[in-house]
Protein backbone atom coordinates (compact mmCIF):
# COMPACT_ATOMS: atom_id res chain seq x y z
CA MET A 1 33.32 -71.72 33.57
CA THR A 2 34.14 -74.66 31.33
CA TYR A 3 34.02 -74.39 27.56
CA GLU A 4 33.64 -76.93 24.75
CA THR A 5 35.34 -74.93 21.98
CA LEU A 6 37.77 -72.79 23.98
CA ASP A 7 40.61 -73.18 26.43
CA TRP A 8 41.05 -70.49 29.10
CA SER A 9 43.91 -69.98 31.54
CA VAL A 10 45.25 -67.06 33.59
CA ASP A 11 48.83 -66.63 34.82
CA GLY A 12 50.06 -65.02 38.02
CA ASP A 13 50.29 -61.56 36.45
CA GLY A 14 46.68 -61.65 35.29
CA VAL A 15 47.49 -62.35 31.63
CA ALA A 16 44.83 -64.72 30.29
CA THR A 17 45.37 -66.95 27.29
CA LEU A 18 42.22 -67.77 25.32
CA THR A 19 42.74 -70.55 22.80
CA LEU A 20 40.23 -71.38 20.07
CA ASP A 21 40.13 -75.15 20.48
CA ARG A 22 38.53 -77.01 17.60
CA SER A 23 41.82 -78.04 16.06
CA ASP A 24 40.28 -81.01 14.23
CA ALA A 25 38.22 -78.45 12.27
CA LEU A 26 40.98 -75.80 12.02
CA ASN A 27 39.16 -73.95 14.83
CA ALA A 28 36.27 -73.17 12.50
CA PHE A 29 33.72 -70.82 14.05
CA ASP A 30 30.36 -72.43 14.78
CA LEU A 31 27.39 -71.32 16.83
CA ALA A 32 28.75 -73.00 19.96
CA MET A 33 32.04 -71.12 19.63
CA ALA A 34 30.13 -67.89 18.99
CA ARG A 35 28.14 -68.30 22.20
CA GLU A 36 31.22 -69.24 24.20
CA LEU A 37 33.37 -66.39 22.89
CA GLU A 38 30.65 -63.88 23.70
CA ARG A 39 30.27 -65.40 27.17
CA VAL A 40 33.99 -65.48 28.00
CA PHE A 41 34.41 -61.78 27.18
CA LEU A 42 31.28 -60.85 29.13
CA THR A 43 32.11 -63.00 32.18
CA ASP A 44 35.53 -64.60 32.77
CA ALA A 45 37.50 -61.82 31.09
CA ARG A 46 35.76 -59.23 33.27
CA ASP A 47 37.04 -60.78 36.49
CA ASP A 48 39.36 -58.26 38.17
CA ALA A 49 42.03 -60.97 38.45
CA VAL A 50 42.30 -60.82 34.64
CA ARG A 51 44.34 -57.84 33.46
CA ALA A 52 44.80 -58.65 29.75
CA VAL A 53 43.81 -61.34 27.24
CA VAL A 54 45.89 -63.04 24.54
CA VAL A 55 43.84 -64.91 21.90
CA THR A 56 45.32 -67.66 19.74
CA GLY A 57 44.35 -70.94 18.06
CA ALA A 58 45.09 -74.57 18.84
CA GLY A 59 47.08 -76.55 16.30
CA ARG A 60 48.07 -75.06 12.95
CA ALA A 61 45.19 -72.61 12.45
CA PHE A 62 43.91 -69.52 14.20
CA CYS A 63 40.35 -69.82 12.83
CA ALA A 64 39.48 -71.11 9.37
CA GLY A 65 36.27 -69.08 9.25
CA MET A 66 32.64 -70.07 9.64
CA ASP A 67 31.92 -73.78 9.82
CA LEU A 68 29.84 -74.24 6.68
CA SER A 69 28.89 -77.84 7.37
CA ALA A 70 25.79 -77.08 9.48
CA GLU A 71 22.33 -77.83 8.10
CA GLY A 72 19.98 -74.98 7.23
CA ASN A 73 21.20 -71.43 7.62
CA VAL A 74 24.83 -71.98 8.61
CA PHE A 75 24.93 -68.58 10.30
CA GLY A 76 22.08 -69.56 12.63
CA LEU A 77 19.68 -66.94 11.29
CA ASP A 78 15.89 -67.23 11.06
CA GLU A 79 15.01 -67.25 7.36
CA THR A 80 11.29 -66.78 8.04
CA LEU A 81 11.86 -63.18 9.10
CA ARG A 82 12.11 -60.05 6.94
CA PRO A 83 13.52 -57.51 9.42
CA THR A 84 13.76 -53.80 8.75
CA PRO A 85 16.47 -51.50 10.15
CA GLU A 86 13.85 -49.84 12.37
CA GLU A 87 12.64 -53.16 13.80
CA LEU A 88 16.15 -54.42 14.49
CA ARG A 89 17.19 -51.25 16.30
CA ALA A 90 13.98 -51.18 18.36
CA HIS A 91 14.14 -54.87 19.36
CA LEU A 92 17.88 -55.58 19.35
CA ALA A 93 17.92 -57.60 22.59
CA GLU A 94 14.54 -59.28 22.11
CA PRO A 95 13.50 -62.48 20.34
CA PRO A 96 13.42 -63.27 17.52
CA TYR A 97 15.85 -60.49 16.57
CA HIS A 98 18.55 -61.21 19.16
CA ASP A 99 19.16 -64.78 18.00
CA GLY A 100 17.46 -64.87 14.63
CA VAL A 101 18.71 -61.69 12.98
CA ARG A 102 21.77 -60.33 14.77
CA ASP A 103 25.11 -61.34 13.30
CA THR A 104 26.79 -63.82 15.64
CA GLY A 105 30.25 -62.54 14.80
CA GLY A 106 29.18 -59.01 15.64
CA ARG A 107 27.91 -60.07 19.03
CA VAL A 108 31.37 -61.51 19.70
CA THR A 109 33.31 -58.46 18.52
CA LEU A 110 31.07 -56.08 20.46
CA ALA A 111 31.82 -58.09 23.61
CA ILE A 112 35.56 -57.97 22.86
CA HIS A 113 35.48 -54.25 22.12
CA ALA A 114 33.58 -53.50 25.33
CA LEU A 115 36.18 -55.20 27.54
CA PRO A 116 38.13 -52.38 29.29
CA LYS A 117 41.41 -54.30 29.18
CA PRO A 118 44.08 -54.98 26.54
CA VAL A 119 43.23 -57.79 24.12
CA ILE A 120 45.98 -59.10 21.83
CA ALA A 121 45.51 -61.50 18.91
CA ALA A 122 48.33 -63.99 18.34
CA ILE A 123 47.44 -65.15 14.82
CA ASN A 124 49.26 -68.46 14.56
CA GLY A 125 47.96 -69.70 11.20
CA PRO A 126 45.04 -69.31 8.80
CA ALA A 127 42.54 -66.62 9.88
CA VAL A 128 39.81 -66.37 7.28
CA GLY A 129 36.40 -64.72 7.28
CA ILE A 130 35.26 -64.42 10.89
CA GLY A 131 38.71 -65.74 11.81
CA ALA A 132 40.08 -62.46 10.44
CA THR A 133 37.29 -60.09 11.42
CA MET A 134 37.12 -61.17 15.06
CA THR A 135 40.73 -60.01 15.49
CA LEU A 136 39.82 -56.48 14.38
CA ALA A 137 38.05 -55.84 17.68
CA MET A 138 41.24 -56.79 19.50
CA ASP A 139 43.65 -53.98 20.32
CA LEU A 140 46.77 -55.39 18.67
CA ARG A 141 47.45 -58.22 16.25
CA LEU A 142 50.70 -60.20 16.13
CA ALA A 143 51.16 -62.79 13.38
CA SER A 144 53.18 -65.92 12.88
CA THR A 145 55.12 -66.32 9.66
CA ARG A 146 52.57 -69.09 8.99
CA ALA A 147 49.59 -66.74 9.29
CA ARG A 148 47.29 -66.41 6.30
CA ILE A 149 44.54 -63.79 6.55
CA GLY A 150 41.60 -63.35 4.23
CA PHE A 151 38.51 -61.16 4.02
CA VAL A 152 36.96 -63.64 1.61
CA PHE A 153 33.29 -62.70 1.86
CA GLY A 154 32.95 -61.79 -1.80
CA ARG A 155 33.76 -65.39 -2.74
CA LEU A 156 30.76 -66.56 -0.70
CA GLY A 157 28.33 -63.88 -1.83
CA ILE A 158 28.05 -62.33 1.63
CA VAL A 159 29.27 -59.12 3.23
CA PRO A 160 32.02 -58.40 5.78
CA GLU A 161 30.49 -58.99 9.21
CA ALA A 162 31.45 -58.78 12.89
CA ALA A 163 31.30 -54.97 12.70
CA SER A 164 34.41 -55.18 10.52
CA THR A 165 33.28 -52.31 8.29
CA TRP A 166 33.70 -50.13 11.40
CA PHE A 167 36.99 -51.61 12.61
CA LEU A 168 38.95 -52.36 9.43
CA PRO A 169 39.04 -48.85 7.87
CA ARG A 170 40.09 -47.42 11.24
CA ILE A 171 43.02 -49.83 11.39
CA VAL A 172 44.30 -49.82 7.81
CA GLY A 173 42.52 -46.91 6.08
CA ILE A 174 39.59 -46.98 3.69
CA GLN A 175 41.61 -47.59 0.50
CA GLN A 176 43.39 -50.65 1.87
CA ALA A 177 40.21 -51.97 3.46
CA LEU A 178 38.30 -51.71 0.18
CA GLU A 179 41.07 -53.39 -1.80
CA TRP A 180 41.25 -56.37 0.54
CA VAL A 181 37.47 -56.78 0.63
CA TYR A 182 37.08 -56.33 -3.12
CA SER A 183 39.86 -58.78 -3.97
CA ALA A 184 38.93 -61.41 -1.33
CA GLU A 185 42.51 -62.64 -1.61
CA ILE A 186 44.48 -64.43 1.09
CA LEU A 187 47.24 -62.28 2.61
CA ASP A 188 50.46 -63.68 3.95
CA ALA A 189 51.97 -62.28 7.14
CA ASP A 190 54.27 -59.87 5.32
CA ALA A 191 51.39 -58.40 3.28
CA ALA A 192 49.36 -57.97 6.45
CA LEU A 193 52.30 -56.21 8.07
CA ALA A 194 52.84 -53.94 5.08
CA GLY A 195 49.15 -53.02 5.16
CA ARG A 196 49.40 -52.22 8.91
CA LEU A 197 46.87 -54.87 9.85
CA VAL A 198 49.34 -56.58 12.18
CA ARG A 199 51.85 -55.03 14.54
CA SER A 200 54.66 -57.54 13.99
CA VAL A 201 55.53 -60.94 12.51
CA HIS A 202 57.20 -63.70 14.52
CA GLU A 203 58.53 -67.21 14.15
CA PRO A 204 55.84 -69.72 15.18
CA ASP A 205 57.44 -70.75 18.48
CA ASP A 206 57.97 -67.11 19.48
CA LEU A 207 54.48 -65.81 18.71
CA VAL A 208 52.46 -66.58 21.85
CA PRO A 209 55.34 -65.95 24.30
CA THR A 210 55.92 -62.56 22.65
CA ALA A 211 52.21 -61.71 22.85
CA ARG A 212 52.10 -62.69 26.52
CA GLU A 213 55.17 -60.61 27.37
CA LEU A 214 53.71 -57.66 25.51
CA ALA A 215 50.46 -58.01 27.46
CA ARG A 216 52.43 -58.29 30.70
CA SER A 217 54.32 -55.09 29.91
CA PHE A 218 50.98 -53.31 29.55
CA VAL A 219 49.51 -54.32 32.91
CA VAL A 220 52.23 -54.98 35.50
CA GLY A 221 52.68 -51.85 37.57
CA ARG A 222 49.81 -50.12 35.78
CA SER A 223 46.46 -48.87 37.04
CA ALA A 224 43.60 -51.03 35.76
CA THR A 225 41.30 -48.02 36.10
CA ALA A 226 43.53 -45.70 34.07
CA LEU A 227 44.12 -48.40 31.45
CA GLY A 228 40.42 -49.16 31.07
CA LEU A 229 39.50 -45.49 30.75
CA ALA A 230 42.30 -44.86 28.26
CA LYS A 231 41.04 -47.70 26.04
CA GLN A 232 37.50 -46.32 26.08
CA MET A 233 38.69 -42.79 25.39
CA LEU A 234 40.97 -43.69 22.49
CA TYR A 235 38.28 -45.68 20.70
CA ARG A 236 35.42 -43.27 21.31
CA ASN A 237 37.25 -39.98 20.96
CA GLY A 238 39.05 -41.17 17.85
CA ALA A 239 35.65 -41.19 16.15
CA ALA A 240 34.29 -38.01 17.77
CA ALA A 241 33.26 -35.11 15.53
CA ASP A 242 34.95 -32.41 17.60
CA PRO A 243 37.89 -32.30 20.08
CA LEU A 244 35.53 -30.80 22.63
CA GLU A 245 34.07 -34.29 23.05
CA ALA A 246 37.53 -35.56 23.96
CA HIS A 247 38.05 -32.67 26.32
CA LEU A 248 34.85 -33.46 28.21
CA SER A 249 35.76 -37.09 28.81
CA ASP A 250 39.42 -36.19 29.45
CA SER A 251 38.33 -33.77 32.15
CA LEU A 252 36.15 -36.27 33.99
CA ALA A 253 38.69 -39.10 33.62
CA MET A 254 41.51 -36.88 34.88
CA PHE A 255 39.36 -35.70 37.79
CA TYR A 256 38.47 -39.21 38.97
CA THR A 257 41.89 -40.78 38.41
CA SER A 258 43.56 -37.85 40.16
CA ILE A 259 41.63 -38.61 43.34
CA GLY A 260 42.04 -42.38 42.92
CA ASP A 261 45.05 -44.30 41.61
CA GLY A 262 46.65 -41.02 40.56
CA LYS A 263 47.38 -40.20 44.20
CA GLU A 264 49.27 -43.46 44.61
CA GLY A 265 51.07 -42.97 41.30
CA VAL A 266 52.31 -39.52 42.29
CA ALA A 267 53.34 -40.72 45.76
CA ALA A 268 55.26 -43.68 44.29
CA PHE A 269 57.03 -41.38 41.84
CA ARG A 270 58.06 -38.98 44.61
CA GLU A 271 59.19 -41.80 46.88
CA LYS A 272 61.03 -43.61 44.05
CA ARG A 273 59.18 -46.91 44.55
CA GLY A 274 56.79 -49.08 42.61
CA PRO A 275 53.11 -48.10 42.79
CA GLU A 276 50.47 -50.24 44.45
CA PHE A 277 47.34 -49.37 42.53
CA LYS A 278 43.95 -50.42 43.92
CA GLY A 279 41.62 -49.43 41.08
CA THR A 280 39.81 -52.06 39.03
CA ALA A 281 38.44 -52.29 35.52
CA SER A 282 35.08 -53.40 36.89
CA ASP A 283 34.46 -50.08 38.63
CA LEU A 284 35.36 -47.37 36.12
CA PRO A 285 33.99 -43.88 36.68
CA LYS A 286 31.44 -42.73 34.12
CA VAL A 287 33.08 -40.26 31.75
CA PHE A 288 30.81 -40.51 28.68
């Protein structure tokens, strides 16, 4: 597919680079970018030739937040509606709720979260509002020394979106999450690192190459099936109420991998050679 607001490329190891590409607007998030981000994670990124995705921004910004220059409701929401929680849950995928009520950022982060492959954010510059919250659905975040990250919703009179109230406390803890949201201050890369929001900080020229090499180390010589299941299990079981829930999915995942790529993995180990896994992320066994 071709995109107006994104650039998409895939290298020979299956590591895709997704670049937010509205550099003249500091890669501000608009409705076109929202639609394209959701689409790329639901389509192109699910191709079995893609093993991992690195997300970064063109120019000097990662994403400067929502483009507030649009006429009317800048978030694309239908102001004639007065939806209730019950109505939204019952009609989530139907008009007018799907396009007129659902948070566009949340639709993007749900698509990212559902991808059974590693997704790494390479935050190369300012990442504010949705520019910050979209990265929370990604599995790891690396930052440039030029990165500036802000959960600035309180300054605009709106709430944290993109399902960030689910992701952020799980990443940094509830106390840190509340402080950052309450203060609405801009964090530099070192503050983000100290708060455990980002994995590591890099010089600008090293950021994307480091993210790509990290992604490559995750997928080369690895089973796409085992990797996809492990991602699902870590996210879902980490929020389960009882370890029995983890045991149930562990048991099914171990059963199906043991008769699939696990056979090749054991054989390769015994024969002291590299494995040749055949499993794909598009055909994961059902374990939940």
